[in-house]
All heavy atoms as atom14 arrays in JSON, in Angstrom:
{
  "sequence": "GHTALCRASDSFEVVCPRARDDRAEARALAGLARK",
  "atom14_mask": [
    [1, 1, 1, 1, 0, 0, 0, 0, 0, 0, 0, 0, 0, 0],
    [1, 1, 1, 1, 1, 1, 1, 1, 1, 1, 0, 0, 0, 0],
    [1, 1, 1, 1, 1, 1, 1, 0, 0, 0, 0, 0, 0, 0],
    [1, 1, 1, 1, 1, 0, 0, 0, 0, 0, 0, 0, 0, 0],
    [1, 1, 1, 1, 1, 1, 1, 1, 0, 0, 0, 0, 0, 0],
    [1, 1, 1, 1, 1, 1, 0, 0, 0, 0, 0, 0, 0, 0],
    [1, 1, 1, 1, 1, 1, 1, 1, 1, 1, 1, 0, 0, 0],
    [1, 1, 1, 1, 1, 0, 0, 0, 0, 0, 0, 0, 0, 0],
    [1, 1, 1, 1, 1, 1, 0, 0, 0, 0, 0, 0, 0, 0],
    [1, 1, 1, 1, 1, 1, 1, 1, 0, 0, 0, 0, 0, 0],
    [1, 1, 1, 1, 1, 1, 0, 0, 0, 0, 0, 0, 0, 0],
    [1, 1, 1, 1, 1, 1, 1, 1, 1, 1, 1, 0, 0, 0],
    [1, 1, 1, 1, 1, 1, 1, 1, 1, 0, 0, 0, 0, 0],
    [1, 1, 1, 1, 1, 1, 1, 0, 0, 0, 0, 0, 0, 0],
    [1, 1, 1, 1, 1, 1, 1, 0, 0, 0, 0, 0, 0, 0],
    [1, 1, 1, 1, 1, 1, 0, 0, 0, 0, 0, 0, 0, 0],
    [1, 1, 1, 1, 1, 1, 1, 0, 0, 0, 0, 0, 0, 0],
    [1, 1, 1, 1, 1, 1, 1, 1, 1, 1, 1, 0, 0, 0],
    [1, 1, 1, 1, 1, 0, 0, 0, 0, 0, 0, 0, 0, 0],
    [1, 1, 1, 1, 1, 1, 1, 1, 1, 1, 1, 0, 0, 0],
    [1, 1, 1, 1, 1, 1, 1, 1, 0, 0, 0, 0, 0, 0],
    [1, 1, 1, 1, 1, 1, 1, 1, 0, 0, 0, 0, 0, 0],
    [1, 1, 1, 1, 1, 1, 1, 1, 1, 1, 1, 0, 0, 0],
    [1, 1, 1, 1, 1, 0, 0, 0, 0, 0, 0, 0, 0, 0],
    [1, 1, 1, 1, 1, 1, 1, 1, 1, 0, 0, 0, 0, 0],
    [1, 1, 1, 1, 1, 0, 0, 0, 0, 0, 0, 0, 0, 0],
    [1, 1, 1, 1, 1, 1, 1, 1, 1, 1, 1, 0, 0, 0],
    [1, 1, 1, 1, 1, 0, 0, 0, 0, 0, 0, 0, 0, 0],
    [1, 1, 1, 1, 1, 1, 1, 1, 0, 0, 0, 0, 0, 0],
    [1, 1, 1, 1, 1, 0, 0, 0, 0, 0, 0, 0, 0, 0],
    [1, 1, 1, 1, 0, 0, 0, 0, 0, 0, 0, 0, 0, 0],
    [1, 1, 1, 1, 1, 1, 1, 1, 0, 0, 0, 0, 0, 0],
    [1, 1, 1, 1, 1, 0, 0, 0, 0, 0, 0, 0, 0, 0],
    [1, 1, 1, 1, 1, 1, 1, 1, 1, 1, 1, 0, 0, 0],
    [1, 1, 1, 1, 1, 1, 1, 1, 1, 0, 0, 0, 0, 0]
  ],
  "atom14_positions": [
    [[0.74, -1.16, 0.0], [0.07, -0.09, -0.01], [0.8, 1.3, 0.0], [0.39, 2.34, 0.61], [0.0, 0.0, 0.0], [0.0, 0.0, 0.0], [0.0, 0.0, 0.0], [0.0, 0.0, 0.0], [0.0, 0.0, 0.0], [0.0, 0.0, 0.0], [0.0, 0.0, 0.0], [0.0, 0.0, 0.0], [0.0, 0.0, 0.0], [0.0, 0.0, 0.0]],
    [[2.01, 1.29, -0.66], [2.77, 2.56, -0.68], [2.23, 3.32, -1.81], [2.67, 3.42, -2.9], [4.28, 2.31, -0.93], [4.86, 1.5, 0.22], [5.21, 2.19, 1.29], [5.09, 0.24, 0.44], [5.75, 1.35, 2.2], [5.63, 0.13, 1.8], [0.0, 0.0, 0.0], [0.0, 0.0, 0.0], [0.0, 0.0, 0.0], [0.0, 0.0, 0.0]],
    [[1.03, 3.9, -1.77], [0.18, 4.51, -2.68], [1.01, 5.67, -3.52], [0.76, 5.94, -4.67], [-1.13, 5.01, -2.17], [-0.83, 5.95, -1.15], [-2.0, 3.9, -1.67], [0.0, 0.0, 0.0], [0.0, 0.0, 0.0], [0.0, 0.0, 0.0], [0.0, 0.0, 0.0], [0.0, 0.0, 0.0], [0.0, 0.0, 0.0], [0.0, 0.0, 0.0]],
    [[1.86, 6.26, -2.76], [2.59, 7.55, -3.43], [3.39, 6.88, -4.62], [3.74, 7.62, -5.57], [3.4, 8.19, -2.32], [0.0, 0.0, 0.0], [0.0, 0.0, 0.0], [0.0, 0.0, 0.0], [0.0, 0.0, 0.0], [0.0, 0.0, 0.0], [0.0, 0.0, 0.0], [0.0, 0.0, 0.0], [0.0, 0.0, 0.0], [0.0, 0.0, 0.0]],
    [[3.89, 5.68, -4.49], [4.73, 5.1, -5.49], [3.82, 4.44, -6.64], [4.4, 4.28, -7.72], [5.53, 3.87, -4.91], [6.88, 4.42, -4.28], [7.62, 3.2, -3.7], [7.77, 5.05, -5.18], [0.0, 0.0, 0.0], [0.0, 0.0, 0.0], [0.0, 0.0, 0.0], [0.0, 0.0, 0.0], [0.0, 0.0, 0.0], [0.0, 0.0, 0.0]],
    [[2.55, 4.23, -6.37], [1.72, 3.6, -7.26], [1.28, 4.46, -8.54], [0.64, 3.97, -9.35], [0.61, 2.96, -6.66], [0.97, 1.69, -5.43], [0.0, 0.0, 0.0], [0.0, 0.0, 0.0], [0.0, 0.0, 0.0], [0.0, 0.0, 0.0], [0.0, 0.0, 0.0], [0.0, 0.0, 0.0], [0.0, 0.0, 0.0], [0.0, 0.0, 0.0]],
    [[1.74, 5.75, -8.55], [1.45, 6.54, -9.67], [2.51, 6.25, -10.85], [3.5, 5.8, -10.68], [1.52, 8.09, -9.22], [0.38, 8.35, -8.33], [0.24, 9.79, -8.15], [1.09, 10.5, -7.05], [0.87, 10.18, -5.78], [-0.08, 9.51, -5.38], [1.59, 10.79, -4.92], [0.0, 0.0, 0.0], [0.0, 0.0, 0.0], [0.0, 0.0, 0.0]],
    [[2.04, 6.62, -12.03], [2.88, 6.31, -13.13], [4.26, 7.08, -13.06], [4.24, 8.22, -12.5], [2.22, 6.74, -14.46], [0.0, 0.0, 0.0], [0.0, 0.0, 0.0], [0.0, 0.0, 0.0], [0.0, 0.0, 0.0], [0.0, 0.0, 0.0], [0.0, 0.0, 0.0], [0.0, 0.0, 0.0], [0.0, 0.0, 0.0], [0.0, 0.0, 0.0]],
    [[5.23, 6.52, -13.48], [6.61, 7.04, -13.41], [7.04, 7.3, -14.98], [6.66, 6.48, -15.86], [7.55, 6.2, -12.83], [9.03, 6.63, -13.03], [0.0, 0.0, 0.0], [0.0, 0.0, 0.0], [0.0, 0.0, 0.0], [0.0, 0.0, 0.0], [0.0, 0.0, 0.0], [0.0, 0.0, 0.0], [0.0, 0.0, 0.0], [0.0, 0.0, 0.0]],
    [[7.81, 8.35, -15.26], [8.31, 8.57, -16.6], [9.39, 7.59, -17.07], [9.49, 7.26, -18.17], [8.71, 10.05, -16.82], [7.75, 11.0, -16.62], [6.57, 10.65, -16.97], [8.07, 12.15, -16.25], [0.0, 0.0, 0.0], [0.0, 0.0, 0.0], [0.0, 0.0, 0.0], [0.0, 0.0, 0.0], [0.0, 0.0, 0.0], [0.0, 0.0, 0.0]],
    [[10.14, 7.15, -16.07], [11.37, 6.36, -16.41], [11.17, 4.86, -16.22], [11.98, 4.02, -16.6], [12.52, 6.85, -15.65], [12.31, 6.82, -14.36], [0.0, 0.0, 0.0], [0.0, 0.0, 0.0], [0.0, 0.0, 0.0], [0.0, 0.0, 0.0], [0.0, 0.0, 0.0], [0.0, 0.0, 0.0], [0.0, 0.0, 0.0], [0.0, 0.0, 0.0]],
    [[10.09, 4.45, -15.5], [9.85, 3.01, -15.2], [8.47, 2.68, -14.92], [7.77, 3.65, -14.46], [10.86, 2.41, -14.14], [10.71, 3.05, -12.75], [9.71, 2.73, -11.88], [11.54, 4.17, -12.53], [9.78, 3.42, -10.61], [11.48, 4.83, -11.36], [10.52, 4.49, -10.37], [0.0, 0.0, 0.0], [0.0, 0.0, 0.0], [0.0, 0.0, 0.0]],
    [[8.06, 1.38, -15.03], [6.61, 0.98, -14.67], [6.54, 0.67, -13.21], [7.47, 0.03, -12.71], [6.33, -0.16, -15.62], [4.92, -0.63, -15.41], [4.61, -1.9, -16.29], [5.61, -2.46, -16.91], [3.36, -2.37, -16.01], [0.0, 0.0, 0.0], [0.0, 0.0, 0.0], [0.0, 0.0, 0.0], [0.0, 0.0, 0.0], [0.0, 0.0, 0.0]],
    [[5.47, 1.05, -12.65], [5.22, 0.7, -11.28], [3.89, -0.12, -11.12], [2.92, 0.31, -11.73], [5.03, 1.93, -10.38], [4.9, 1.56, -8.94], [6.24, 2.77, -10.48], [0.0, 0.0, 0.0], [0.0, 0.0, 0.0], [0.0, 0.0, 0.0], [0.0, 0.0, 0.0], [0.0, 0.0, 0.0], [0.0, 0.0, 0.0], [0.0, 0.0, 0.0]],
    [[4.02, -1.3, -10.59], [2.85, -2.22, -10.41], [2.64, -2.32, -8.89], [3.54, -2.63, -8.24], [3.06, -3.59, -11.08], [1.95, -4.48, -10.75], [3.44, -3.47, -12.47], [0.0, 0.0, 0.0], [0.0, 0.0, 0.0], [0.0, 0.0, 0.0], [0.0, 0.0, 0.0], [0.0, 0.0, 0.0], [0.0, 0.0, 0.0], [0.0, 0.0, 0.0]],
    [[1.4, -2.16, -8.5], [1.1, -2.24, -7.06], [-0.01, -3.29, -6.72], [-1.27, -2.81, -6.56], [0.68, -0.87, -6.46], [2.07, 0.46, -6.58], [0.0, 0.0, 0.0], [0.0, 0.0, 0.0], [0.0, 0.0, 0.0], [0.0, 0.0, 0.0], [0.0, 0.0, 0.0], [0.0, 0.0, 0.0], [0.0, 0.0, 0.0], [0.0, 0.0, 0.0]],
    [[0.19, -4.57, -6.75], [-0.82, -5.55, -6.53], [-1.08, -5.51, -4.98], [-0.26, -4.99, -4.21], [-0.25, -6.86, -6.97], [1.26, -6.54, -6.88], [1.56, -5.07, -7.03], [0.0, 0.0, 0.0], [0.0, 0.0, 0.0], [0.0, 0.0, 0.0], [0.0, 0.0, 0.0], [0.0, 0.0, 0.0], [0.0, 0.0, 0.0], [0.0, 0.0, 0.0]],
    [[-2.22, -5.97, -4.67], [-2.68, -6.31, -3.29], [-2.61, -7.73, -2.87], [-2.77, -8.51, -3.73], [-3.94, -5.8, -2.99], [-4.2, -4.35, -3.34], [-5.71, -3.9, -3.13], [-5.93, -2.55, -3.57], [-5.96, -1.41, -2.74], [-5.71, -1.7, -1.48], [-6.2, -0.26, -3.23], [0.0, 0.0, 0.0], [0.0, 0.0, 0.0], [0.0, 0.0, 0.0]],
    [[-2.06, -7.91, -1.67], [-2.06, -9.25, -1.0], [-2.11, -9.08, 0.44], [-1.62, -8.11, 0.96], [-0.72, -9.95, -1.45], [0.0, 0.0, 0.0], [0.0, 0.0, 0.0], [0.0, 0.0, 0.0], [0.0, 0.0, 0.0], [0.0, 0.0, 0.0], [0.0, 0.0, 0.0], [0.0, 0.0, 0.0], [0.0, 0.0, 0.0], [0.0, 0.0, 0.0]],
    [[-2.65, -9.92, 1.17], [-3.03, -9.92, 2.5], [-1.82, -10.29, 3.54], [-1.73, -10.13, 4.51], [-4.34, -10.55, 2.96], [-4.2, -12.02, 2.79], [-5.57, -12.67, 3.04], [-5.5, -14.17, 2.86], [-5.39, -14.77, 1.72], [-5.52, -14.11, 0.58], [-5.4, -16.07, 1.64], [0.0, 0.0, 0.0], [0.0, 0.0, 0.0], [0.0, 0.0, 0.0]],
    [[-0.94, -11.22, 2.91], [0.12, -11.83, 3.66], [1.3, -12.34, 2.74], [1.14, -12.13, 1.56], [-0.3, -12.92, 4.61], [-0.85, -14.16, 3.85], [-0.54, -14.28, 2.66], [-1.69, -14.73, 4.43], [0.0, 0.0, 0.0], [0.0, 0.0, 0.0], [0.0, 0.0, 0.0], [0.0, 0.0, 0.0], [0.0, 0.0, 0.0], [0.0, 0.0, 0.0]],
    [[2.38, -12.73, 3.42], [3.47, -13.01, 2.64], [3.26, -14.15, 1.61], [3.72, -14.26, 0.44], [4.79, -13.37, 3.46], [4.6, -14.51, 4.46], [3.4, -14.88, 4.65], [5.57, -14.86, 5.06], [0.0, 0.0, 0.0], [0.0, 0.0, 0.0], [0.0, 0.0, 0.0], [0.0, 0.0, 0.0], [0.0, 0.0, 0.0], [0.0, 0.0, 0.0]],
    [[2.61, -15.14, 2.01], [2.19, -16.4, 0.99], [1.3, -15.86, -0.13], [1.51, -16.16, -1.23], [1.4, -17.46, 1.93], [1.27, -18.74, 1.03], [0.8, -19.77, 2.05], [0.18, -20.92, 1.35], [-0.81, -21.48, 1.57], [-1.44, -21.08, 2.69], [-1.36, -22.36, 0.78], [0.0, 0.0, 0.0], [0.0, 0.0, 0.0], [0.0, 0.0, 0.0]],
    [[0.36, -14.99, 0.15], [-0.45, -14.39, -0.8], [0.37, -13.56, -1.84], [0.18, -13.47, -3.06], [-1.55, -13.63, -0.33], [0.0, 0.0, 0.0], [0.0, 0.0, 0.0], [0.0, 0.0, 0.0], [0.0, 0.0, 0.0], [0.0, 0.0, 0.0], [0.0, 0.0, 0.0], [0.0, 0.0, 0.0], [0.0, 0.0, 0.0], [0.0, 0.0, 0.0]],
    [[1.34, -12.81, -1.28], [2.34, -11.94, -2.07], [3.11, -12.91, -3.07], [3.19, -12.62, -4.2], [3.31, -11.27, -1.26], [2.7, -9.95, -0.54], [3.61, -9.28, 0.48], [4.73, -9.76, 0.62], [3.24, -8.19, 0.92], [0.0, 0.0, 0.0], [0.0, 0.0, 0.0], [0.0, 0.0, 0.0], [0.0, 0.0, 0.0], [0.0, 0.0, 0.0]],
    [[3.6, -14.08, -2.58], [4.36, -14.89, -3.33], [3.55, -15.51, -4.5], [3.99, -15.69, -5.52], [4.95, -16.06, -2.38], [0.0, 0.0, 0.0], [0.0, 0.0, 0.0], [0.0, 0.0, 0.0], [0.0, 0.0, 0.0], [0.0, 0.0, 0.0], [0.0, 0.0, 0.0], [0.0, 0.0, 0.0], [0.0, 0.0, 0.0], [0.0, 0.0, 0.0]],
    [[2.29, -16.05, -4.11], [1.36, -16.43, -5.11], [1.11, -15.43, -6.22], [1.14, -15.72, -7.36], [0.22, -17.05, -4.46], [0.36, -18.31, -3.87], [-0.98, -19.07, -3.64], [-1.65, -18.22, -2.56], [-2.28, -18.56, -1.43], [-2.22, -19.86, -1.16], [-2.83, -17.68, -0.65], [0.0, 0.0, 0.0], [0.0, 0.0, 0.0], [0.0, 0.0, 0.0]],
    [[0.71, -14.21, -5.62], [0.46, -13.11, -6.77], [1.6, -12.81, -7.5], [1.43, -12.62, -8.73], [-0.16, -11.95, -5.98], [0.0, 0.0, 0.0], [0.0, 0.0, 0.0], [0.0, 0.0, 0.0], [0.0, 0.0, 0.0], [0.0, 0.0, 0.0], [0.0, 0.0, 0.0], [0.0, 0.0, 0.0], [0.0, 0.0, 0.0], [0.0, 0.0, 0.0]],
    [[2.82, -12.78, -7.02], [4.04, -12.46, -7.73], [4.31, -13.56, -8.72], [4.61, -13.29, -9.9], [5.18, -12.4, -6.72], [6.65, -12.13, -7.36], [6.59, -10.83, -8.04], [7.62, -12.01, -6.33], [0.0, 0.0, 0.0], [0.0, 0.0, 0.0], [0.0, 0.0, 0.0], [0.0, 0.0, 0.0], [0.0, 0.0, 0.0], [0.0, 0.0, 0.0]],
    [[4.12, -14.91, -8.42], [4.44, -16.01, -9.32], [3.38, -15.77, -10.59], [3.73, -16.09, -11.69], [4.21, -17.3, -8.66], [0.0, 0.0, 0.0], [0.0, 0.0, 0.0], [0.0, 0.0, 0.0], [0.0, 0.0, 0.0], [0.0, 0.0, 0.0], [0.0, 0.0, 0.0], [0.0, 0.0, 0.0], [0.0, 0.0, 0.0], [0.0, 0.0, 0.0]],
    [[2.07, -15.48, -10.19], [1.04, -15.23, -11.29], [1.38, -14.18, -12.09], [1.44, -14.14, -13.44], [0.0, 0.0, 0.0], [0.0, 0.0, 0.0], [0.0, 0.0, 0.0], [0.0, 0.0, 0.0], [0.0, 0.0, 0.0], [0.0, 0.0, 0.0], [0.0, 0.0, 0.0], [0.0, 0.0, 0.0], [0.0, 0.0, 0.0], [0.0, 0.0, 0.0]],
    [[1.74, -13.03, -11.68], [2.3, -11.8, -12.37], [3.47, -12.1, -13.25], [3.55, -11.69, -14.27], [2.49, -10.67, -11.34], [2.77, -9.28, -11.86], [1.56, -8.71, -12.56], [3.21, -8.32, -10.85], [0.0, 0.0, 0.0], [0.0, 0.0, 0.0], [0.0, 0.0, 0.0], [0.0, 0.0, 0.0], [0.0, 0.0, 0.0], [0.0, 0.0, 0.0]],
    [[4.35, -12.92, -12.67], [5.6, -13.24, -13.47], [5.22, -13.97, -14.64], [5.7, -13.99, -15.81], [6.53, -14.03, -12.59], [0.0, 0.0, 0.0], [0.0, 0.0, 0.0], [0.0, 0.0, 0.0], [0.0, 0.0, 0.0], [0.0, 0.0, 0.0], [0.0, 0.0, 0.0], [0.0, 0.0, 0.0], [0.0, 0.0, 0.0], [0.0, 0.0, 0.0]],
    [[4.27, -15.14, -14.4], [3.78, -15.93, -15.49], [3.16, -15.16, -16.51], [3.33, -15.34, -17.84], [2.93, -16.89, -14.98], [3.37, -18.46, -14.97], [2.29, -19.43, -14.63], [1.28, -19.09, -13.65], [1.56, -19.09, -12.26], [2.61, -19.5, -11.82], [0.53, -18.88, -11.45], [0.0, 0.0, 0.0], [0.0, 0.0, 0.0], [0.0, 0.0, 0.0]],
    [[2.11, -14.28, -16.13], [1.45, -13.41, -16.98], [2.35, -12.58, -17.9], [2.04, -12.29, -19.05], [0.39, -12.58, -16.22], [-0.45, -11.59, -17.0], [-1.4, -10.95, -16.14], [-1.94, -9.76, -16.74], [-2.71, -8.87, -15.77], [0.0, 0.0, 0.0], [0.0, 0.0, 0.0], [0.0, 0.0, 0.0], [0.0, 0.0, 0.0], [0.0, 0.0, 0.0]]
  ]
}
């Protein structure tokens, strides 16, 4: 939830997915990487 960073940047892409815990972060990250 670092919302200040979640705005578009001119020099790189910022993605701010949501997850409730570390295991959910890992699963979401694996899905994002696959996608």
